[in-house]
Every structure is written in C-alpha cells, then in structure tokens.
Amino acid sequence: MTRPDIQLPSFDPVCPMSSFPIRIGGKWTAMIVLSLENSPQRFGVLRRHLRPVSAKVLAETLVSMERDGLVCRRPVGASDDQGVEYELTPLGRSLLGVIEHVRGWALEHLSELDGARAAFDAESGARSA
C-alpha cells in the first residue's frame, strides 16, 4: 500500500540521468525504479515525481517494465475502480545496486561526457556548414 509519509525523489527536468548514455530498459526505467524503491506507488504519484515524462510514456514504460518482470501492478482496494499501484518485484529490486553504480559513474564522468558531446557537436556543425 502507498505510504504517504514516504518522500519520493523529484527528478529535475534537466536531470543528467535523462541524457545519460547508459540505459536500463527504456529512458525512464531507472527513474521509475528509484521512485518505487521505498514503497509501491500509484500512477498519479509517479507522474508528479517524474514531471518530465508524459502520462502516455509513463504508462507505456510501466507496461514494458511489467512485461519484463520488473514491476507488478495490483488493484488498490476491492477493484480496479479504486485504482492500482505499482511495486518493484525482486527482479526490479535487483536493479537498485546497478543504478547506484551507474549514478556514481555519472557523477564522476559527467563533465567529460558533456565535453565530448560539445566537441562532437561543434565538429559536426563545422562539417555540415
């Protein structure tokens, strides 16, 4: 059940993870995994904390994650009419360590990554001119 006292991370629209070259599943999978780390969440709660992602893309990503066995979707209350929540499966939880490792790498190498991209873009622009 969703715990109101759990504070989910809010992801900044310019979060480095959104442009990071290492992806686990789809573009938003790692952020969803982190959002579900402490407790199951309803779609609307996930949507508020993942502001940069559209509702359509969030729904598609959750379906894909469910298909991959990373999350399970279950009704809240007696029927689907009362809503559903998403929870990490043991397989989904196994990604937490991987994501933490990748985040550490990102913090250490983000300036190099940005520099390489800027150099490439500048050279590509010069080539096409």
Protein backbone atom coordinates (compact mmCIF):
# COMPACT_ATOMS: atom_id res chain seq x y z
CA MET A 1 0.00 0.00 0.00
CA THR A 2 1.22 3.53 -0.73
CA ARG A 3 2.70 5.19 2.33
CA PRO A 4 2.03 8.95 2.46
CA ASP A 5 5.00 9.51 4.79
CA ILE A 6 7.50 8.25 2.19
CA GLN A 7 9.08 11.09 0.25
CA LEU A 8 9.73 10.14 -3.37
CA PRO A 9 12.62 11.74 -5.19
CA SER A 10 11.56 14.52 -7.52
CA PHE A 11 13.53 14.43 -10.73
CA ASP A 12 14.58 17.74 -12.18
CA PRO A 13 13.72 18.13 -15.89
CA VAL A 14 17.44 18.66 -16.54
CA CYS A 15 18.46 15.58 -14.53
CA PRO A 16 21.65 14.13 -16.01
CA MET A 17 20.11 10.65 -15.95
CA SER A 18 17.69 11.66 -18.72
CA SER A 19 20.56 12.20 -21.17
CA PHE A 20 22.86 9.55 -19.81
CA PRO A 21 24.36 7.10 -22.33
CA ILE A 22 23.83 4.01 -20.15
CA ARG A 23 20.19 2.94 -20.15
CA ILE A 24 18.50 0.23 -18.17
CA GLY A 25 15.37 -0.67 -20.11
CA GLY A 26 13.75 2.46 -21.52
CA LYS A 27 14.81 6.04 -20.93
CA TRP A 28 12.68 6.36 -17.77
CA THR A 29 13.08 2.87 -16.29
CA ALA A 30 15.85 3.76 -13.83
CA MET A 31 13.94 6.78 -12.52
CA ILE A 32 10.80 4.68 -12.05
CA VAL A 33 12.81 2.02 -10.19
CA LEU A 34 14.20 4.71 -7.88
CA SER A 35 10.70 6.12 -7.34
CA LEU A 36 9.44 2.70 -6.28
CA GLU A 37 12.44 1.84 -4.11
CA ASN A 38 10.79 2.56 -0.74
CA SER A 39 7.17 1.65 -1.36
CA PRO A 40 4.55 0.88 -4.01
CA GLN A 41 3.10 3.96 -5.70
CA ARG A 42 0.00 4.87 -7.66
CA PHE A 43 0.34 6.15 -11.21
CA GLY A 44 -0.57 9.73 -10.23
CA VAL A 45 2.13 9.86 -7.56
CA LEU A 46 4.73 8.58 -10.01
CA ARG A 47 3.55 11.13 -12.58
CA ARG A 48 4.02 14.03 -10.14
CA HIS A 49 7.55 12.96 -9.28
CA LEU A 50 8.55 12.26 -12.86
CA ARG A 51 7.45 15.62 -14.25
CA PRO A 52 9.47 15.48 -17.48
CA VAL A 53 7.74 12.30 -18.69
CA SER A 54 4.31 12.44 -20.30
CA ALA A 55 1.48 10.34 -18.90
CA LYS A 56 1.43 8.29 -22.13
CA VAL A 57 5.15 7.48 -21.97
CA LEU A 58 4.96 6.70 -18.25
CA ALA A 59 2.07 4.28 -18.87
CA GLU A 60 3.93 2.63 -21.77
CA THR A 61 7.11 2.31 -19.69
CA LEU A 62 5.23 0.77 -16.76
CA VAL A 63 3.61 -1.79 -19.10
CA SER A 64 7.03 -2.61 -20.55
CA MET A 65 8.50 -2.94 -17.05
CA GLU A 66 5.62 -5.21 -16.04
CA ARG A 67 6.23 -7.34 -19.13
CA ASP A 68 9.92 -7.59 -18.21
CA GLY A 69 9.03 -8.65 -14.67
CA LEU A 70 10.45 -5.51 -13.04
CA VAL A 71 7.18 -4.24 -11.54
CA CYS A 72 3.85 -5.71 -10.65
CA ARG A 73 0.58 -3.84 -10.98
CA ARG A 74 -2.11 -4.55 -8.44
CA PRO A 75 -5.51 -3.12 -7.56
CA VAL A 76 -5.85 -0.88 -4.53
CA GLY A 77 -9.00 -1.74 -2.63
CA ALA A 78 -11.60 -4.23 -3.77
CA SER A 79 -11.49 -3.47 -7.51
CA ASP A 80 -9.57 -1.71 -10.29
CA ASP A 81 -12.12 1.12 -10.00
CA GLN A 82 -10.33 2.26 -6.84
CA GLY A 83 -7.03 2.48 -8.68
CA VAL A 84 -3.87 0.47 -9.00
CA GLU A 85 -0.38 0.77 -7.66
CA TYR A 86 2.97 -0.38 -8.94
CA GLU A 87 5.56 -2.20 -6.89
CA LEU A 88 9.06 -3.43 -7.65
CA THR A 89 9.44 -7.17 -7.98
CA PRO A 90 12.58 -8.90 -6.66
CA LEU A 91 13.95 -8.67 -10.21
CA GLY A 92 13.22 -4.94 -10.28
CA ARG A 93 14.88 -4.51 -6.86
CA SER A 94 18.00 -6.19 -8.22
CA LEU A 95 18.50 -3.12 -10.44
CA LEU A 96 18.92 -0.77 -7.46
CA GLY A 97 22.61 -1.61 -7.00
CA VAL A 98 23.27 -1.35 -10.73
CA ILE A 99 21.57 2.05 -10.88
CA GLU A 100 23.52 3.31 -7.88
CA HIS A 101 26.77 2.22 -9.52
CA VAL A 102 25.84 3.96 -12.79
CA ARG A 103 24.87 7.13 -10.88
CA GLY A 104 28.29 7.14 -9.23
CA TRP A 105 29.97 6.76 -12.59
CA ALA A 106 27.84 9.61 -13.96
CA LEU A 107 28.84 11.96 -11.16
CA GLU A 108 32.49 11.15 -11.73
CA HIS A 109 32.42 11.45 -15.54
CA LEU A 110 29.58 13.82 -16.41
CA SER A 111 31.85 16.77 -17.23
CA GLU A 112 33.90 14.55 -19.57
CA LEU A 113 30.72 13.31 -21.23
CA ASP A 114 29.42 16.86 -21.68
CA GLY A 115 32.79 17.98 -23.08
CA ALA A 116 32.90 15.11 -25.57
CA ARG A 117 29.36 15.86 -26.73
CA ALA A 118 30.10 19.58 -27.12
CA ALA A 119 33.26 18.85 -29.11
CA PHE A 120 31.43 16.38 -31.34
CA ASP A 121 28.54 18.79 -31.93
CA ALA A 122 30.94 21.64 -32.76
CA GLU A 123 32.86 19.44 -35.22
CA SER A 124 29.65 18.06 -36.74
CA GLY A 125 28.37 21.60 -37.24
CA ALA A 126 31.63 22.61 -38.93
CA ARG A 127 31.43 19.58 -41.25
CA SER A 128 27.86 20.30 -42.33
CA ALA A 129 28.49 24.01 -42.96
